[in-house]
Amino acid sequence: MKGILIYRGKYGATQQYATWIGAETKLSVKEIHECGEDDFVNNDFFVIGTSVYMGMLGIKEWMKANLDFLTGKKIFLFVVCGTPSGEGEYIRSSVPERIREQCTIWFLPGRLNYKKISWMDKFVLRIGSIFAGNSKEKKRRLYGFDDVKRENISAIVKDIKEFTGKREVAPVL
């Protein structure tokens, strides 16, 4: 079984998870813009990572554009987001129906670092904090958070190794 890890992120959390998963599974890791037809033809399965932005998966258009290559192949999809709300909706609105059943999906917690985000994203978060129901969620939106931890990848790494026949699952450090 040959596979590749492809990802798209915005501020670094998805890239961090992709790097860790790639190291644990010994998969080649590429950003979506680095992928070519050979990457699709020469691989039996895909690990795809994406961030969520404005309720949509960042990889939505790429998946649509490469639907013919992805159809019929196993997909391990990890979605990095700041809040768990809307998880099912992210998938329904962003993953083409034709390949949804091929996907095993994980939602991994993200991070929000105000020093790295655009002024427009800061503005949107400030507006969103007004409508956030509880004070914990308001604080997260206003001051940031970092829930990206290596141990968050243990389930996806285990499943990838089981799928590829590499049953020896080393502990994730």
N, C-alpha and C. Protein backbone atom coordinates (compact mmCIF):
# COMPACT_ATOMS: atom_id res chain seq x y z
N MET A 1 0.84 -1.18 0.00
CA MET A 1 0.00 0.00 0.00
C MET A 1 0.88 1.24 0.00
N LYS A 2 0.64 2.09 -0.94
CA LYS A 2 1.42 3.33 -1.02
C LYS A 2 0.46 4.50 -0.86
N GLY A 3 0.87 5.46 -0.02
CA GLY A 3 0.02 6.61 0.23
C GLY A 3 0.83 7.89 0.31
N ILE A 4 0.10 8.99 0.36
CA ILE A 4 0.70 10.31 0.46
C ILE A 4 -0.17 11.16 1.37
N LEU A 5 0.45 12.09 2.06
CA LEU A 5 -0.28 13.04 2.90
C LEU A 5 -0.25 14.40 2.20
N ILE A 6 -1.45 14.93 1.96
CA ILE A 6 -1.62 16.21 1.28
C ILE A 6 -2.39 17.13 2.21
N TYR A 7 -1.96 18.38 2.32
CA TYR A 7 -2.67 19.26 3.25
C TYR A 7 -2.75 20.70 2.72
N ARG A 8 -3.69 21.41 3.33
CA ARG A 8 -3.80 22.85 3.11
C ARG A 8 -4.21 23.48 4.43
N GLY A 9 -3.45 24.45 4.87
CA GLY A 9 -3.76 25.16 6.09
C GLY A 9 -3.59 26.65 5.88
N LYS A 10 -3.89 27.38 6.91
CA LYS A 10 -3.79 28.83 6.77
C LYS A 10 -2.75 29.43 7.71
N TYR A 11 -2.72 28.97 8.97
CA TYR A 11 -1.85 29.60 9.95
C TYR A 11 -0.88 28.65 10.66
N GLY A 12 -0.76 27.42 10.21
CA GLY A 12 0.28 26.55 10.74
C GLY A 12 -0.15 25.33 11.52
N ALA A 13 -1.35 25.29 12.05
CA ALA A 13 -1.78 24.13 12.84
C ALA A 13 -1.91 22.88 11.96
N THR A 14 -2.51 23.02 10.80
CA THR A 14 -2.67 21.88 9.89
C THR A 14 -1.31 21.37 9.42
N GLN A 15 -0.42 22.28 9.12
CA GLN A 15 0.94 21.89 8.71
C GLN A 15 1.64 21.13 9.84
N GLN A 16 1.47 21.58 11.07
CA GLN A 16 2.09 20.89 12.20
C GLN A 16 1.56 19.47 12.32
N TYR A 17 0.25 19.29 12.25
CA TYR A 17 -0.32 17.95 12.32
C TYR A 17 0.17 17.10 11.14
N ALA A 18 0.21 17.68 9.94
CA ALA A 18 0.67 16.94 8.76
C ALA A 18 2.11 16.46 8.95
N THR A 19 2.95 17.32 9.48
CA THR A 19 4.35 16.95 9.72
C THR A 19 4.45 15.80 10.71
N TRP A 20 3.71 15.89 11.80
CA TRP A 20 3.73 14.81 12.80
C TRP A 20 3.19 13.50 12.24
N ILE A 21 2.06 13.56 11.54
CA ILE A 21 1.46 12.34 10.97
C ILE A 21 2.39 11.73 9.93
N GLY A 22 2.98 12.57 9.09
CA GLY A 22 3.93 12.09 8.09
C GLY A 22 5.11 11.38 8.72
N ALA A 23 5.64 11.95 9.80
CA ALA A 23 6.78 11.33 10.49
C ALA A 23 6.39 9.99 11.12
N GLU A 24 5.22 9.92 11.72
CA GLU A 24 4.78 8.69 12.38
C GLU A 24 4.45 7.57 11.39
N THR A 25 3.95 7.94 10.22
CA THR A 25 3.51 6.94 9.24
C THR A 25 4.49 6.74 8.10
N LYS A 26 5.54 7.55 8.07
CA LYS A 26 6.56 7.51 7.01
C LYS A 26 5.98 7.84 5.63
N LEU A 27 4.96 8.69 5.61
CA LEU A 27 4.35 9.12 4.36
C LEU A 27 5.01 10.41 3.87
N SER A 28 5.07 10.55 2.57
CA SER A 28 5.51 11.80 1.96
C SER A 28 4.44 12.86 2.25
N VAL A 29 4.87 14.07 2.59
CA VAL A 29 3.96 15.16 2.95
C VAL A 29 4.11 16.29 1.93
N LYS A 30 2.97 16.72 1.35
CA LYS A 30 3.00 17.81 0.38
C LYS A 30 1.83 18.75 0.61
N GLU A 31 2.07 20.04 0.33
CA GLU A 31 0.96 20.99 0.30
C GLU A 31 0.22 20.77 -1.02
N ILE A 32 -1.07 21.14 -1.04
CA ILE A 32 -1.88 20.83 -2.22
C ILE A 32 -1.30 21.41 -3.51
N HIS A 33 -0.69 22.57 -3.46
CA HIS A 33 -0.15 23.19 -4.67
C HIS A 33 1.09 22.46 -5.20
N GLU A 34 1.66 21.56 -4.40
CA GLU A 34 2.84 20.80 -4.82
C GLU A 34 2.47 19.47 -5.50
N CYS A 35 1.19 19.12 -5.50
CA CYS A 35 0.75 17.83 -6.03
C CYS A 35 0.55 17.87 -7.53
N GLY A 36 0.94 16.78 -8.14
CA GLY A 36 0.74 16.62 -9.58
C GLY A 36 0.02 15.31 -9.86
N GLU A 37 -0.23 15.06 -11.10
CA GLU A 37 -0.96 13.85 -11.50
C GLU A 37 -0.27 12.58 -11.03
N ASP A 38 1.07 12.56 -11.03
CA ASP A 38 1.81 11.38 -10.57
C ASP A 38 1.48 11.03 -9.12
N ASP A 39 1.25 12.05 -8.30
CA ASP A 39 0.91 11.80 -6.90
C ASP A 39 -0.42 11.07 -6.77
N PHE A 40 -1.33 11.31 -7.68
CA PHE A 40 -2.62 10.63 -7.63
C PHE A 40 -2.52 9.22 -8.20
N VAL A 41 -1.87 9.09 -9.32
CA VAL A 41 -1.78 7.81 -10.00
C VAL A 41 -0.93 6.81 -9.22
N ASN A 42 0.13 7.26 -8.59
CA ASN A 42 1.08 6.36 -7.93
C ASN A 42 0.75 6.03 -6.48
N ASN A 43 -0.40 6.44 -5.99
CA ASN A 43 -0.74 6.18 -4.60
C ASN A 43 -2.08 5.46 -4.48
N ASP A 44 -2.14 4.55 -3.51
CA ASP A 44 -3.35 3.75 -3.28
C ASP A 44 -4.31 4.43 -2.31
N PHE A 45 -3.78 5.30 -1.45
CA PHE A 45 -4.63 5.98 -0.48
C PHE A 45 -4.06 7.37 -0.20
N PHE A 46 -4.92 8.22 0.38
CA PHE A 46 -4.54 9.60 0.67
C PHE A 46 -4.88 9.94 2.10
N VAL A 47 -3.97 10.65 2.74
CA VAL A 47 -4.25 11.30 4.01
C VAL A 47 -4.34 12.77 3.64
N ILE A 48 -5.49 13.37 3.89
CA ILE A 48 -5.72 14.76 3.50
C ILE A 48 -6.02 15.57 4.74
N GLY A 49 -5.29 16.66 4.92
CA GLY A 49 -5.49 17.55 6.05
C GLY A 49 -5.94 18.92 5.59
N THR A 50 -6.84 19.50 6.34
CA THR A 50 -7.35 20.82 5.98
C THR A 50 -7.79 21.59 7.20
N SER A 51 -7.69 22.89 7.10
CA SER A 51 -8.24 23.75 8.15
C SER A 51 -9.66 24.14 7.74
N VAL A 52 -10.37 24.72 8.69
CA VAL A 52 -11.71 25.23 8.44
C VAL A 52 -11.63 26.74 8.47
N TYR A 53 -12.24 27.37 7.48
CA TYR A 53 -12.29 28.83 7.46
C TYR A 53 -13.69 29.24 7.03
N MET A 54 -14.33 30.03 7.85
CA MET A 54 -15.68 30.51 7.58
C MET A 54 -16.66 29.37 7.29
N GLY A 55 -16.52 28.29 8.05
CA GLY A 55 -17.45 27.17 7.94
C GLY A 55 -17.20 26.24 6.76
N MET A 56 -16.11 26.42 6.04
CA MET A 56 -15.79 25.57 4.88
C MET A 56 -14.40 24.98 5.03
N LEU A 57 -14.23 23.80 4.50
CA LEU A 57 -12.91 23.18 4.50
C LEU A 57 -12.05 23.91 3.47
N GLY A 58 -10.82 24.21 3.84
CA GLY A 58 -9.90 24.91 2.95
C GLY A 58 -9.55 24.13 1.70
N ILE A 59 -9.83 22.85 1.72
CA ILE A 59 -9.46 21.97 0.62
C ILE A 59 -10.65 21.65 -0.29
N LYS A 60 -11.76 22.32 -0.06
CA LYS A 60 -13.01 22.04 -0.78
C LYS A 60 -12.84 22.09 -2.30
N GLU A 61 -12.36 23.19 -2.82
CA GLU A 61 -12.23 23.36 -4.28
C GLU A 61 -11.22 22.37 -4.87
N TRP A 62 -10.14 22.11 -4.14
CA TRP A 62 -9.13 21.17 -4.59
C TRP A 62 -9.73 19.77 -4.71
N MET A 63 -10.55 19.38 -3.73
CA MET A 63 -11.18 18.06 -3.79
C MET A 63 -12.11 17.96 -5.00
N LYS A 64 -12.86 19.02 -5.26
CA LYS A 64 -13.75 19.02 -6.43
C LYS A 64 -12.94 18.90 -7.72
N ALA A 65 -11.87 19.64 -7.81
CA ALA A 65 -11.04 19.65 -9.02
C ALA A 65 -10.35 18.30 -9.25
N ASN A 66 -10.10 17.55 -8.18
CA ASN A 66 -9.39 16.27 -8.30
C ASN A 66 -10.27 15.07 -7.99
N LEU A 67 -11.57 15.26 -8.12
CA LEU A 67 -12.54 14.23 -7.77
C LEU A 67 -12.30 12.92 -8.51
N ASP A 68 -11.99 12.99 -9.79
CA ASP A 68 -11.78 11.76 -10.56
C ASP A 68 -10.59 10.96 -10.03
N PHE A 69 -9.55 11.65 -9.60
CA PHE A 69 -8.38 10.97 -9.04
C PHE A 69 -8.67 10.36 -7.67
N LEU A 70 -9.50 11.02 -6.89
CA LEU A 70 -9.78 10.59 -5.52
C LEU A 70 -10.83 9.47 -5.45
N THR A 71 -11.71 9.43 -6.43
CA THR A 71 -12.80 8.45 -6.42
C THR A 71 -12.23 7.03 -6.44
N GLY A 72 -12.76 6.22 -5.52
CA GLY A 72 -12.36 4.82 -5.46
C GLY A 72 -11.15 4.54 -4.60
N LYS A 73 -10.53 5.55 -4.03
CA LYS A 73 -9.36 5.37 -3.18
C LYS A 73 -9.70 5.71 -1.74
N LYS A 74 -9.05 5.04 -0.81
CA LYS A 74 -9.26 5.30 0.61
C LYS A 74 -8.72 6.69 0.95
N ILE A 75 -9.51 7.42 1.74
CA ILE A 75 -9.11 8.77 2.16
C ILE A 75 -9.22 8.87 3.67
N PHE A 76 -8.12 9.26 4.29
CA PHE A 76 -8.10 9.60 5.71
C PHE A 76 -8.10 11.12 5.75
N LEU A 77 -9.17 11.71 6.24
CA LEU A 77 -9.31 13.16 6.23
C LEU A 77 -9.23 13.70 7.66
N PHE A 78 -8.28 14.60 7.89
CA PHE A 78 -8.26 15.26 9.19
C PHE A 78 -8.56 16.74 9.01
N VAL A 79 -9.49 17.21 9.84
CA VAL A 79 -10.00 18.57 9.77
C VAL A 79 -9.56 19.29 11.05
N VAL A 80 -8.87 20.40 10.88
CA VAL A 80 -8.35 21.16 12.01
C VAL A 80 -9.24 22.39 12.19
N CYS A 81 -9.84 22.49 13.38
CA CYS A 81 -10.75 23.60 13.60
C CYS A 81 -10.68 24.06 15.06
N GLY A 82 -11.08 25.28 15.26
CA GLY A 82 -11.03 25.87 16.59
C GLY A 82 -12.19 25.48 17.47
N THR A 83 -13.32 25.15 16.85
CA THR A 83 -14.50 24.78 17.63
C THR A 83 -15.13 23.52 17.02
N PRO A 84 -15.71 22.67 17.85
CA PRO A 84 -16.33 21.45 17.32
C PRO A 84 -17.70 21.70 16.70
N SER A 85 -18.27 22.87 16.89
CA SER A 85 -19.61 23.11 16.36
C SER A 85 -19.58 23.09 14.84
N GLY A 86 -20.59 22.47 14.27
CA GLY A 86 -20.71 22.42 12.82
C GLY A 86 -19.90 21.34 12.14
N GLU A 87 -19.35 20.39 12.89
CA GLU A 87 -18.49 19.37 12.28
C GLU A 87 -19.18 18.65 11.13
N GLY A 88 -20.40 18.18 11.35
CA GLY A 88 -21.12 17.48 10.29
C GLY A 88 -21.39 18.37 9.10
N GLU A 89 -21.70 19.63 9.36
CA GLU A 89 -21.98 20.58 8.29
C GLU A 89 -20.73 20.85 7.45
N TYR A 90 -19.56 20.90 8.09
CA TYR A 90 -18.31 21.10 7.33
C TYR A 90 -18.17 20.02 6.26
N ILE A 91 -18.46 18.80 6.64
CA ILE A 91 -18.30 17.67 5.71
C ILE A 91 -19.36 17.75 4.61
N ARG A 92 -20.62 17.93 4.99
CA ARG A 92 -21.70 18.01 3.99
C ARG A 92 -21.47 19.14 2.98
N SER A 93 -20.98 20.26 3.45
CA SER A 93 -20.83 21.41 2.55
C SER A 93 -19.53 21.41 1.76
N SER A 94 -18.56 20.59 2.16
CA SER A 94 -17.24 20.70 1.53
C SER A 94 -16.72 19.42 0.87
N VAL A 95 -17.11 18.26 1.34
CA VAL A 95 -16.61 17.01 0.77
C VAL A 95 -17.62 16.52 -0.25
N PRO A 96 -17.21 16.37 -1.51
CA PRO A 96 -18.15 15.90 -2.53
C PRO A 96 -18.80 14.57 -2.12
N GLU A 97 -20.08 14.49 -2.34
CA GLU A 97 -20.85 13.30 -1.94
C GLU A 97 -20.26 12.02 -2.54
N ARG A 98 -19.76 12.12 -3.74
CA ARG A 98 -19.21 10.96 -4.46
C ARG A 98 -18.08 10.27 -3.69
N ILE A 99 -17.35 11.00 -2.83
CA ILE A 99 -16.23 10.38 -2.13
C ILE A 99 -16.41 10.32 -0.61
N ARG A 100 -17.52 10.81 -0.09
CA ARG A 100 -17.71 10.84 1.36
C ARG A 100 -17.59 9.47 2.01
N GLU A 101 -18.14 8.45 1.39
CA GLU A 101 -18.11 7.11 2.00
C GLU A 101 -16.71 6.51 2.01
N GLN A 102 -15.81 7.01 1.20
CA GLN A 102 -14.42 6.54 1.18
C GLN A 102 -13.60 7.16 2.30
N CYS A 103 -14.15 8.17 2.95
CA CYS A 103 -13.41 8.96 3.93
C CYS A 103 -13.61 8.46 5.35
N THR A 104 -12.52 8.36 6.06
CA THR A 104 -12.55 8.24 7.51
C THR A 104 -12.10 9.61 8.00
N ILE A 105 -12.88 10.20 8.92
CA ILE A 105 -12.68 11.61 9.25
C ILE A 105 -12.37 11.80 10.73
N TRP A 106 -11.40 12.66 10.99
CA TRP A 106 -11.04 13.07 12.35
C TRP A 106 -11.11 14.58 12.42
N PHE A 107 -11.60 15.08 13.54
CA PHE A 107 -11.57 16.51 13.82
C PHE A 107 -10.51 16.73 14.89
N LEU A 108 -9.51 17.53 14.55
CA LEU A 108 -8.42 17.80 15.46
C LEU A 108 -8.50 19.25 15.93
N PRO A 109 -8.24 19.48 17.21
CA PRO A 109 -8.32 20.85 17.72
C PRO A 109 -7.19 21.73 17.16
N GLY A 110 -7.52 22.97 16.92
CA GLY A 110 -6.56 23.89 16.31
C GLY A 110 -5.97 24.88 17.28
N ARG A 111 -5.55 26.00 16.71
CA ARG A 111 -4.99 27.09 17.51
C ARG A 111 -5.40 28.41 16.90
N LEU A 112 -5.33 29.42 17.72
CA LEU A 112 -5.60 30.77 17.27
C LEU A 112 -4.54 31.67 17.88
N ASN A 113 -3.66 32.18 17.04
CA ASN A 113 -2.59 33.05 17.48
C ASN A 113 -2.82 34.43 16.83
N TYR A 114 -3.23 35.38 17.65
CA TYR A 114 -3.56 36.70 17.12
C TYR A 114 -2.39 37.37 16.40
N LYS A 115 -1.17 37.04 16.74
CA LYS A 115 -0.02 37.67 16.09
C LYS A 115 0.11 37.23 14.63
N LYS A 116 -0.49 36.08 14.28
CA LYS A 116 -0.34 35.54 12.93
C LYS A 116 -1.53 35.78 12.01
N ILE A 117 -2.68 36.15 12.54
CA ILE A 117 -3.86 36.23 11.68
C ILE A 117 -4.01 37.61 11.05
N SER A 118 -4.73 37.63 9.94
CA SER A 118 -4.93 38.88 9.20
C SER A 118 -5.87 39.81 9.97
N TRP A 119 -5.84 41.07 9.62
CA TRP A 119 -6.72 42.03 10.28
C TRP A 119 -8.18 41.69 10.02
N MET A 120 -8.48 41.17 8.82
CA MET A 120 -9.86 40.79 8.50
C MET A 120 -10.31 39.63 9.38
N ASP A 121 -9.44 38.64 9.59
CA ASP A 121 -9.79 37.53 10.47
C ASP A 121 -9.98 38.01 11.91
N LYS A 122 -9.16 38.94 12.34
CA LYS A 122 -9.33 39.51 13.68
C LYS A 122 -10.69 40.19 13.81
N PHE A 123 -11.05 40.93 12.79
CA PHE A 123 -12.33 41.63 12.79
C PHE A 123 -13.49 40.63 12.87
N VAL A 124 -13.45 39.59 12.05
CA VAL A 124 -14.50 38.57 12.05
C VAL A 124 -14.60 37.89 13.42
N LEU A 125 -13.46 37.58 14.02
CA LEU A 125 -13.47 36.95 15.34
C LEU A 125 -14.05 37.88 16.41
N ARG A 126 -13.73 39.14 16.33
CA ARG A 126 -14.29 40.11 17.30
C ARG A 126 -15.81 40.18 17.17
N ILE A 127 -16.29 40.22 15.95
CA ILE A 127 -17.74 40.24 15.73
C ILE A 127 -18.34 38.93 16.24
N GLY A 128 -17.71 37.81 15.93
CA GLY A 128 -18.20 36.51 16.38
C GLY A 128 -18.23 36.39 17.89
N SER A 129 -17.30 37.02 18.56
CA SER A 129 -17.26 36.95 20.03
C SER A 129 -18.48 37.61 20.66
N ILE A 130 -19.04 38.57 19.96
CA ILE A 130 -20.26 39.23 20.46
C ILE A 130 -21.40 38.22 20.56
N PHE A 131 -21.44 37.29 19.61
CA PHE A 131 -22.53 36.32 19.56
C PHE A 131 -22.20 35.00 20.25
N ALA A 132 -20.98 34.86 20.71
CA ALA A 132 -20.59 33.62 21.41
C ALA A 132 -21.35 33.55 22.73
N GLY A 133 -21.97 32.41 22.96
CA GLY A 133 -22.82 32.27 24.13
C GLY A 133 -22.12 32.31 25.46
N ASN A 134 -21.09 31.49 25.64
CA ASN A 134 -20.46 31.42 26.97
C ASN A 134 -19.16 32.22 27.01
N SER A 135 -18.77 32.56 28.23
CA SER A 135 -17.59 33.41 28.39
C SER A 135 -16.29 32.70 27.99
N LYS A 136 -16.24 31.36 28.12
CA LYS A 136 -15.03 30.63 27.73
C LYS A 136 -14.81 30.77 26.22
N GLU A 137 -15.87 30.61 25.44
CA GLU A 137 -15.76 30.74 23.98
C GLU A 137 -15.42 32.17 23.60
N LYS A 138 -15.97 33.13 24.28
CA LYS A 138 -15.63 34.54 24.01
C LYS A 138 -14.15 34.78 24.24
N LYS A 139 -13.62 34.27 25.36
CA LYS A 139 -12.20 34.44 25.66
C LYS A 139 -11.33 33.81 24.58
N ARG A 140 -11.71 32.62 24.13
CA ARG A 140 -10.93 31.93 23.09
C ARG A 140 -10.88 32.78 21.83
N ARG A 141 -12.00 33.35 21.45
CA ARG A 141 -12.06 34.16 20.23
C ARG A 141 -11.32 35.48 20.37
N LEU A 142 -11.32 36.02 21.57
CA LEU A 142 -10.70 37.33 21.78
C LEU A 142 -9.20 37.26 22.09
N TYR A 143 -8.77 36.19 22.75
CA TYR A 143 -7.38 36.12 23.22
C TYR A 143 -6.57 34.99 22.62
N GLY A 144 -7.23 34.10 21.92
CA GLY A 144 -6.53 32.99 21.28
C GLY A 144 -6.41 31.77 22.17
N PHE A 145 -5.88 30.70 21.58
CA PHE A 145 -5.71 29.43 22.26
C PHE A 145 -4.76 28.56 21.44
N ASP A 146 -4.25 27.52 22.03
CA ASP A 146 -3.42 26.56 21.32
C ASP A 146 -3.71 25.17 21.85
N ASP A 147 -4.52 24.43 21.09
CA ASP A 147 -4.89 23.07 21.46
C ASP A 147 -4.18 22.04 20.57
N VAL A 148 -3.19 22.47 19.79
CA VAL A 148 -2.45 21.57 18.91
C VAL A 148 -1.44 20.81 19.74
N LYS A 149 -1.66 19.51 19.85
CA LYS A 149 -0.80 18.63 20.65
C LYS A 149 -0.52 17.36 19.86
N ARG A 150 0.68 16.87 19.99
CA ARG A 150 1.06 15.67 19.23
C ARG A 150 0.18 14.47 19.57
N GLU A 151 -0.24 14.37 20.82
CA GLU A 151 -1.07 13.20 21.19
C GLU A 151 -2.42 13.20 20.48
N ASN A 152 -2.85 14.32 19.91
CA ASN A 152 -4.12 14.38 19.19
C ASN A 152 -4.13 13.52 17.93
N ILE A 153 -2.95 13.15 17.42
CA ILE A 153 -2.89 12.38 16.18
C ILE A 153 -2.88 10.87 16.40
N SER A 154 -2.89 10.40 17.64
CA SER A 154 -2.72 8.97 17.90
C SER A 154 -3.76 8.10 17.20
N ALA A 155 -5.03 8.50 17.18
CA ALA A 155 -6.07 7.67 16.55
C ALA A 155 -5.89 7.59 15.04
N ILE A 156 -5.60 8.70 14.39
CA ILE A 156 -5.43 8.67 12.94
C ILE A 156 -4.19 7.88 12.55
N VAL A 157 -3.11 8.04 13.31
CA VAL A 157 -1.88 7.28 13.03
C VAL A 157 -2.14 5.79 13.19
N LYS A 158 -2.84 5.41 14.23
CA LYS A 158 -3.17 3.99 14.47
C LYS A 158 -3.99 3.44 13.29
N ASP A 159 -5.00 4.18 12.86
CA ASP A 159 -5.84 3.71 11.75
C ASP A 159 -5.07 3.61 10.44
N ILE A 160 -4.20 4.56 10.16
CA ILE A 160 -3.40 4.50 8.93
C ILE A 160 -2.49 3.29 8.97
N LYS A 161 -1.84 3.06 10.10
CA LYS A 161 -0.94 1.90 10.21
C LYS A 161 -1.70 0.58 10.10
N GLU A 162 -2.86 0.51 10.68
CA GLU A 162 -3.67 -0.72 10.55
C GLU A 162 -4.09 -0.92 9.10
N PHE A 163 -4.47 0.14 8.41
CA PHE A 163 -4.89 0.06 7.02
C PHE A 163 -3.75 -0.41 6.12
N THR A 164 -2.56 0.05 6.39
CA THR A 164 -1.41 -0.30 5.54
C THR A 164 -0.76 -1.61 5.96
N GLY A 165 -1.25 -2.21 7.03
CA GLY A 165 -0.68 -3.47 7.49
C GLY A 165 0.50 -3.32 8.41
N LYS A 166 0.81 -2.12 8.79
CA LYS A 166 1.91 -1.87 9.74
C LYS A 166 1.31 -1.86 11.13
N ARG A 167 1.08 -3.02 11.66
CA ARG A 167 0.35 -3.18 12.93
C ARG A 167 1.11 -2.68 14.15
N GLU A 168 2.44 -2.59 14.05
CA GLU A 168 3.21 -2.10 15.20
C GLU A 168 2.99 -0.60 15.33
N VAL A 169 2.18 -0.22 16.26
CA VAL A 169 1.87 1.19 16.45
C VAL A 169 2.73 1.72 17.59
N ALA A 170 3.71 2.51 17.21
CA ALA A 170 4.59 3.11 18.22
C ALA A 170 3.83 4.20 18.95
N PRO A 171 4.13 4.39 20.22
CA PRO A 171 3.45 5.46 20.94
C PRO A 171 3.81 6.82 20.37
N VAL A 172 2.83 7.68 20.32
CA VAL A 172 3.04 9.05 19.83
C VAL A 172 3.56 9.87 20.99
N LEU A 173 4.70 10.49 20.78
CA LEU A 173 5.33 11.29 21.84
C LEU A 173 4.94 12.74 21.75
